[in-house]
Amino acid sequence: MIAFYVILAASPVLLLGSVAFLVLIVAGIRKGDRRDLTASPSSRIDTITRRVVGLGVRSKGEDES
């Protein structure tokens, strides 16, 4: 019975953490829409957003042949 109460208490914490993570990702994507994606990331949030979205880090002048 105690395990049920622990799970019940942890659920809102996990939900809020997930929502906060998604908000940071969305904010990073919106910020990235306003600048050049070939530029290097300017912050840790930019780096995390690019990795999660799958953009990676590209540098200007890199040849893809």
PDB file of N, CA and C in Angstrom:
ATOM      1  N   MET A   1       0.819  -1.193   0.000  1.00  0.00           N
ATOM      2  CA  MET A   1       0.000   0.000   0.000  1.00  0.00           C
ATOM      3  C   MET A   1       0.868   1.264   0.000  1.00  0.00           C
ATOM      4  N   ILE A   2       2.017   1.196   0.651  1.00  0.00           N
ATOM      5  CA  ILE A   2       2.907   2.350   0.694  1.00  0.00           C
ATOM      6  C   ILE A   2       3.455   2.644  -0.708  1.00  0.00           C
ATOM      7  N   ALA A   3       3.729   1.597  -1.480  1.00  0.00           N
ATOM      8  CA  ALA A   3       4.240   1.796  -2.842  1.00  0.00           C
ATOM      9  C   ALA A   3       3.233   2.577  -3.683  1.00  0.00           C
ATOM     10  N   PHE A   4       1.964   2.323  -3.483  1.00  0.00           N
ATOM     11  CA  PHE A   4       0.923   3.054  -4.204  1.00  0.00           C
ATOM     12  C   PHE A   4       0.998   4.539  -3.888  1.00  0.00           C
ATOM     13  N   TYR A   5       1.182   4.891  -2.636  1.00  0.00           N
ATOM     14  CA  TYR A   5       1.262   6.296  -2.245  1.00  0.00           C
ATOM     15  C   TYR A   5       2.536   6.957  -2.780  1.00  0.00           C
ATOM     16  N   VAL A   6       3.619   6.216  -2.842  1.00  0.00           N
ATOM     17  CA  VAL A   6       4.865   6.754  -3.391  1.00  0.00           C
ATOM     18  C   VAL A   6       4.686   7.042  -4.880  1.00  0.00           C
ATOM     19  N   ILE A   7       4.083   6.097  -5.602  1.00  0.00           N
ATOM     20  CA  ILE A   7       3.836   6.298  -7.039  1.00  0.00           C
ATOM     21  C   ILE A   7       2.869   7.456  -7.247  1.00  0.00           C
ATOM     22  N   LEU A   8       1.851   7.527  -6.426  1.00  0.00           N
ATOM     23  CA  LEU A   8       0.866   8.608  -6.525  1.00  0.00           C
ATOM     24  C   LEU A   8       1.509   9.963  -6.259  1.00  0.00           C
ATOM     25  N   ALA A   9       2.452  10.031  -5.337  1.00  0.00           N
ATOM     26  CA  ALA A   9       3.131  11.284  -5.029  1.00  0.00           C
ATOM     27  C   ALA A   9       4.160  11.645  -6.108  1.00  0.00           C
ATOM     28  N   ALA A  10       4.773  10.660  -6.745  1.00  0.00           N
ATOM     29  CA  ALA A  10       5.807  10.920  -7.740  1.00  0.00           C
ATOM     30  C   ALA A  10       5.231  11.289  -9.104  1.00  0.00           C
ATOM     31  N   SER A  11       4.010  10.907  -9.377  1.00  0.00           N
ATOM     32  CA  SER A  11       3.415  11.166 -10.693  1.00  0.00           C
ATOM     33  C   SER A  11       3.370  12.645 -11.063  1.00  0.00           C
ATOM     34  N   PRO A  12       2.886  13.536 -10.197  1.00  0.00           N
ATOM     35  CA  PRO A  12       2.878  14.959 -10.575  1.00  0.00           C
ATOM     36  C   PRO A  12       4.280  15.533 -10.775  1.00  0.00           C
ATOM     37  N   VAL A  13       5.235  15.064 -10.015  1.00  0.00           N
ATOM     38  CA  VAL A  13       6.615  15.544 -10.152  1.00  0.00           C
ATOM     39  C   VAL A  13       7.166  15.151 -11.520  1.00  0.00           C
ATOM     40  N   LEU A  14       6.947  13.919 -11.915  1.00  0.00           N
ATOM     41  CA  LEU A  14       7.417  13.456 -13.225  1.00  0.00           C
ATOM     42  C   LEU A  14       6.679  14.177 -14.353  1.00  0.00           C
ATOM     43  N   LEU A  15       5.399  14.399 -14.186  1.00  0.00           N
ATOM     44  CA  LEU A  15       4.619  15.103 -15.197  1.00  0.00           C
ATOM     45  C   LEU A  15       5.118  16.534 -15.361  1.00  0.00           C
ATOM     46  N   LEU A  16       5.350  17.235 -14.265  1.00  0.00           N
ATOM     47  CA  LEU A  16       5.846  18.608 -14.338  1.00  0.00           C
ATOM     48  C   LEU A  16       7.243  18.667 -14.948  1.00  0.00           C
ATOM     49  N   GLY A  17       8.075  17.697 -14.631  1.00  0.00           N
ATOM     50  CA  GLY A  17       9.411  17.647 -15.225  1.00  0.00           C
ATOM     51  C   GLY A  17       9.349  17.443 -16.728  1.00  0.00           C
ATOM     52  N   SER A  18       8.468  16.572 -17.171  1.00  0.00           N
ATOM     53  CA  SER A  18       8.298  16.334 -18.607  1.00  0.00           C
ATOM     54  C   SER A  18       7.779  17.574 -19.322  1.00  0.00           C
ATOM     55  N   VAL A  19       6.819  18.245 -18.722  1.00  0.00           N
ATOM     56  CA  VAL A  19       6.266  19.459 -19.315  1.00  0.00           C
ATOM     57  C   VAL A  19       7.333  20.547 -19.388  1.00  0.00           C
ATOM     58  N   ALA A  20       8.131  20.696 -18.329  1.00  0.00           N
ATOM     59  CA  ALA A  20       9.192  21.707 -18.328  1.00  0.00           C
ATOM     60  C   ALA A  20      10.218  21.409 -19.415  1.00  0.00           C
ATOM     61  N   PHE A  21      10.569  20.149 -19.608  1.00  0.00           N
ATOM     62  CA  PHE A  21      11.517  19.770 -20.651  1.00  0.00           C
ATOM     63  C   PHE A  21      10.962  20.110 -22.033  1.00  0.00           C
ATOM     64  N   LEU A  22       9.708  19.792 -22.275  1.00  0.00           N
ATOM     65  CA  LEU A  22       9.090  20.090 -23.567  1.00  0.00           C
ATOM     66  C   LEU A  22       9.001  21.592 -23.816  1.00  0.00           C
ATOM     67  N   VAL A  23       8.731  22.365 -22.767  1.00  0.00           N
ATOM     68  CA  VAL A  23       8.681  23.826 -22.916  1.00  0.00           C
ATOM     69  C   VAL A  23      10.050  24.365 -23.317  1.00  0.00           C
ATOM     70  N   LEU A  24      11.112  23.853 -22.709  1.00  0.00           N
ATOM     71  CA  LEU A  24      12.462  24.290 -23.075  1.00  0.00           C
ATOM     72  C   LEU A  24      12.796  23.919 -24.515  1.00  0.00           C
ATOM     73  N   ILE A  25      12.393  22.741 -24.943  1.00  0.00           N
ATOM     74  CA  ILE A  25      12.650  22.327 -26.321  1.00  0.00           C
ATOM     75  C   ILE A  25      11.888  23.213 -27.299  1.00  0.00           C
ATOM     76  N   VAL A  26      10.622  23.478 -27.015  1.00  0.00           N
ATOM     77  CA  VAL A  26       9.821  24.336 -27.893  1.00  0.00           C
ATOM     78  C   VAL A  26      10.406  25.747 -27.939  1.00  0.00           C
ATOM     79  N   ALA A  27      10.826  26.263 -26.795  1.00  0.00           N
ATOM     80  CA  ALA A  27      11.426  27.605 -26.761  1.00  0.00           C
ATOM     81  C   ALA A  27      12.714  27.633 -27.579  1.00  0.00           C
ATOM     82  N   GLY A  28      13.503  26.587 -27.500  1.00  0.00           N
ATOM     83  CA  GLY A  28      14.731  26.512 -28.286  1.00  0.00           C
ATOM     84  C   GLY A  28      14.458  26.445 -29.775  1.00  0.00           C
ATOM     85  N   ILE A  29      13.426  25.716 -30.157  1.00  0.00           N
ATOM     86  CA  ILE A  29      13.070  25.621 -31.572  1.00  0.00           C
ATOM     87  C   ILE A  29      12.578  26.968 -32.078  1.00  0.00           C
ATOM     88  N   ARG A  30      11.739  27.630 -31.291  1.00  0.00           N
ATOM     89  CA  ARG A  30      11.229  28.943 -31.706  1.00  0.00           C
ATOM     90  C   ARG A  30      12.373  29.949 -31.829  1.00  0.00           C
ATOM     91  N   LYS A  31      13.320  29.886 -30.902  1.00  0.00           N
ATOM     92  CA  LYS A  31      14.465  30.792 -30.961  1.00  0.00           C
ATOM     93  C   LYS A  31      15.320  30.474 -32.189  1.00  0.00           C
ATOM     94  N   GLY A  32      15.477  29.194 -32.504  1.00  0.00           N
ATOM     95  CA  GLY A  32      16.265  28.771 -33.656  1.00  0.00           C
ATOM     96  C   GLY A  32      15.635  29.166 -34.970  1.00  0.00           C
ATOM     97  N   ASP A  33      14.321  29.351 -34.994  1.00  0.00           N
ATOM     98  CA  ASP A  33      13.639  29.770 -36.220  1.00  0.00           C
ATOM     99  C   ASP A  33      14.034  31.178 -36.622  1.00  0.00           C
ATOM    100  N   ARG A  34      14.557  31.941 -35.702  1.00  0.00           N
ATOM    101  CA  ARG A  34      14.862  33.345 -35.970  1.00  0.00           C
ATOM    102  C   ARG A  34      16.322  33.594 -36.329  1.00  0.00           C
ATOM    103  N   ARG A  35      17.118  32.555 -36.421  1.00  0.00           N
ATOM    104  CA  ARG A  35      18.521  32.758 -36.760  1.00  0.00           C
ATOM    105  C   ARG A  35      19.008  31.633 -37.653  1.00  0.00           C
ATOM    106  N   ASP A  36      20.217  31.774 -38.110  1.00  0.00           N
ATOM    107  CA  ASP A  36      20.792  30.835 -39.061  1.00  0.00           C
ATOM    108  C   ASP A  36      21.144  29.512 -38.379  1.00  0.00           C
ATOM    109  N   LEU A  37      20.626  28.414 -38.909  1.00  0.00           N
ATOM    110  CA  LEU A  37      20.897  27.114 -38.298  1.00  0.00           C
ATOM    111  C   LEU A  37      22.306  26.604 -38.578  1.00  0.00           C
ATOM    112  N   THR A  38      22.994  27.225 -39.546  1.00  0.00           N
ATOM    113  CA  THR A  38      24.363  26.793 -39.800  1.00  0.00           C
ATOM    114  C   THR A  38      25.342  27.395 -38.805  1.00  0.00           C
ATOM    115  N   ALA A  39      24.894  28.398 -38.039  1.00  0.00           N
ATOM    116  CA  ALA A  39      25.750  28.984 -37.005  1.00  0.00           C
ATOM    117  C   ALA A  39      25.881  27.992 -35.850  1.00  0.00           C
ATOM    118  N   SER A  40      26.972  28.084 -35.128  1.00  0.00           N
ATOM    119  CA  SER A  40      27.153  27.186 -33.990  1.00  0.00           C
ATOM    120  C   SER A  40      26.175  27.562 -32.883  1.00  0.00           C
ATOM    121  N   PRO A  41      25.797  26.599 -32.051  1.00  0.00           N
ATOM    122  CA  PRO A  41      24.851  26.884 -30.973  1.00  0.00           C
ATOM    123  C   PRO A  41      25.414  27.938 -30.021  1.00  0.00           C
ATOM    124  N   SER A  42      24.542  28.843 -29.590  1.00  0.00           N
ATOM    125  CA  SER A  42      24.998  29.930 -28.725  1.00  0.00           C
ATOM    126  C   SER A  42      24.829  29.620 -27.245  1.00  0.00           C
ATOM    127  N   SER A  43      24.087  28.576 -26.912  1.00  0.00           N
ATOM    128  CA  SER A  43      23.881  28.236 -25.503  1.00  0.00           C
ATOM    129  C   SER A  43      23.701  26.727 -25.362  1.00  0.00           C
ATOM    130  N   ARG A  44      23.650  26.284 -24.126  1.00  0.00           N
ATOM    131  CA  ARG A  44      23.442  24.857 -23.878  1.00  0.00           C
ATOM    132  C   ARG A  44      22.048  24.432 -24.311  1.00  0.00           C
ATOM    133  N   ILE A  45      21.064  25.307 -24.143  1.00  0.00           N
ATOM    134  CA  ILE A  45      19.699  24.997 -24.573  1.00  0.00           C
ATOM    135  C   ILE A  45      19.668  24.787 -26.083  1.00  0.00           C
ATOM    136  N   ASP A  46      20.397  25.631 -26.822  1.00  0.00           N
ATOM    137  CA  ASP A  46      20.495  25.476 -28.276  1.00  0.00           C
ATOM    138  C   ASP A  46      21.090  24.112 -28.633  1.00  0.00           C
ATOM    139  N   THR A  47      22.141  23.726 -27.959  1.00  0.00           N
ATOM    140  CA  THR A  47      22.801  22.457 -28.228  1.00  0.00           C
ATOM    141  C   THR A  47      21.868  21.286 -27.941  1.00  0.00           C
ATOM    142  N   ILE A  48      21.193  21.320 -26.805  1.00  0.00           N
ATOM    143  CA  ILE A  48      20.266  20.245 -26.431  1.00  0.00           C
ATOM    144  C   ILE A  48      19.117  20.169 -27.423  1.00  0.00           C
ATOM    145  N   THR A  49      18.585  21.335 -27.806  1.00  0.00           N
ATOM    146  CA  THR A  49      17.472  21.360 -28.752  1.00  0.00           C
ATOM    147  C   THR A  49      17.880  20.742 -30.080  1.00  0.00           C
ATOM    148  N   ARG A  50      19.059  21.100 -30.574  1.00  0.00           N
ATOM    149  CA  ARG A  50      19.509  20.552 -31.853  1.00  0.00           C
ATOM    150  C   ARG A  50      19.712  19.048 -31.782  1.00  0.00           C
ATOM    151  N   ARG A  51      20.216  18.558 -30.662  1.00  0.00           N
ATOM    152  CA  ARG A  51      20.415  17.114 -30.540  1.00  0.00           C
ATOM    153  C   ARG A  51      19.088  16.378 -30.464  1.00  0.00           C
ATOM    154  N   VAL A  52      18.126  16.912 -29.699  1.00  0.00           N
ATOM    155  CA  VAL A  52      16.830  16.251 -29.551  1.00  0.00           C
ATOM    156  C   VAL A  52      16.057  16.270 -30.865  1.00  0.00           C
ATOM    157  N   VAL A  53      16.098  17.395 -31.573  1.00  0.00           N
ATOM    158  CA  VAL A  53      15.366  17.527 -32.826  1.00  0.00           C
ATOM    159  C   VAL A  53      16.067  16.770 -33.952  1.00  0.00           C
ATOM    160  N   GLY A  54      17.357  16.561 -33.824  1.00  0.00           N
ATOM    161  CA  GLY A  54      18.090  15.809 -34.827  1.00  0.00           C
ATOM    162  C   GLY A  54      18.813  16.660 -35.844  1.00  0.00           C
ATOM    163  N   LEU A  55      18.983  17.938 -35.570  1.00  0.00           N
ATOM    164  CA  LEU A  55      19.684  18.812 -36.502  1.00  0.00           C
ATOM    165  C   LEU A  55      21.191  18.639 -36.437  1.00  0.00           C
ATOM    166  N   GLY A  56      21.705  18.322 -35.284  1.00  0.00           N
ATOM    167  CA  GLY A  56      23.148  18.237 -35.121  1.00  0.00           C
ATOM    168  C   GLY A  56      23.762  19.621 -35.139  1.00  0.00           C
ATOM    169  N   VAL A  57      25.050  19.662 -35.243  1.00  0.00           N
ATOM    170  CA  VAL A  57      25.744  20.943 -35.289  1.00  0.00           C
ATOM    171  C   VAL A  57      26.480  21.016 -36.603  1.00  0.00           C
ATOM    172  N   ARG A  58      26.164  22.010 -37.388  1.00  0.00           N
ATOM    173  CA  ARG A  58      26.800  22.201 -38.684  1.00  0.00           C
ATOM    174  C   ARG A  58      27.619  23.469 -38.645  1.00  0.00           C
ATOM    175  N   SER A  59      28.668  23.478 -39.419  1.00  0.00           N
ATOM    176  CA  SER A  59      29.470  24.701 -39.499  1.00  0.00           C
ATOM    177  C   SER A  59      29.383  25.267 -40.909  1.00  0.00           C
ATOM    178  N   LYS A  60      29.553  26.556 -41.037  1.00  0.00           N
ATOM    179  CA  LYS A  60      29.473  27.195 -42.342  1.00  0.00           C
ATOM    180  C   LYS A  60      30.628  26.719 -43.221  1.00  0.00           C
ATOM    181  N   GLY A  61      30.333  26.550 -44.504  1.00  0.00           N
ATOM    182  CA  GLY A  61      31.360  26.165 -45.435  1.00  0.00           C
ATOM    183  C   GLY A  61      31.701  24.701 -45.456  1.00  0.00           C
ATOM    184  N   GLU A  62      30.993  23.887 -44.714  1.00  0.00           N
ATOM    185  CA  GLU A  62      31.276  22.448 -44.689  1.00  0.00           C
ATOM    186  C   GLU A  62      30.729  21.818 -45.964  1.00  0.00           C
ATOM    187  N   ASP A  63      31.569  21.087 -46.657  1.00  0.00           N
ATOM    188  CA  ASP A  63      31.178  20.467 -47.919  1.00  0.00           C
ATOM    189  C   ASP A  63      30.575  19.089 -47.640  1.00  0.00           C
ATOM    190  N   GLU A  64      29.409  18.796 -48.234  1.00  0.00           N
ATOM    191  CA  GLU A  64      28.732  17.529 -47.996  1.00  0.00           C
ATOM    192  C   GLU A  64      28.847  16.595 -49.188  1.00  0.00           C
ATOM    193  N   SER A  65      29.931  16.618 -49.927  1.00  0.00           N
ATOM    194  CA  SER A  65      30.052  15.745 -51.094  1.00  0.00           C
ATOM    195  C   SER A  65      30.696  14.424 -50.750  1.00  0.00           C
TER     196      SER A  65
END
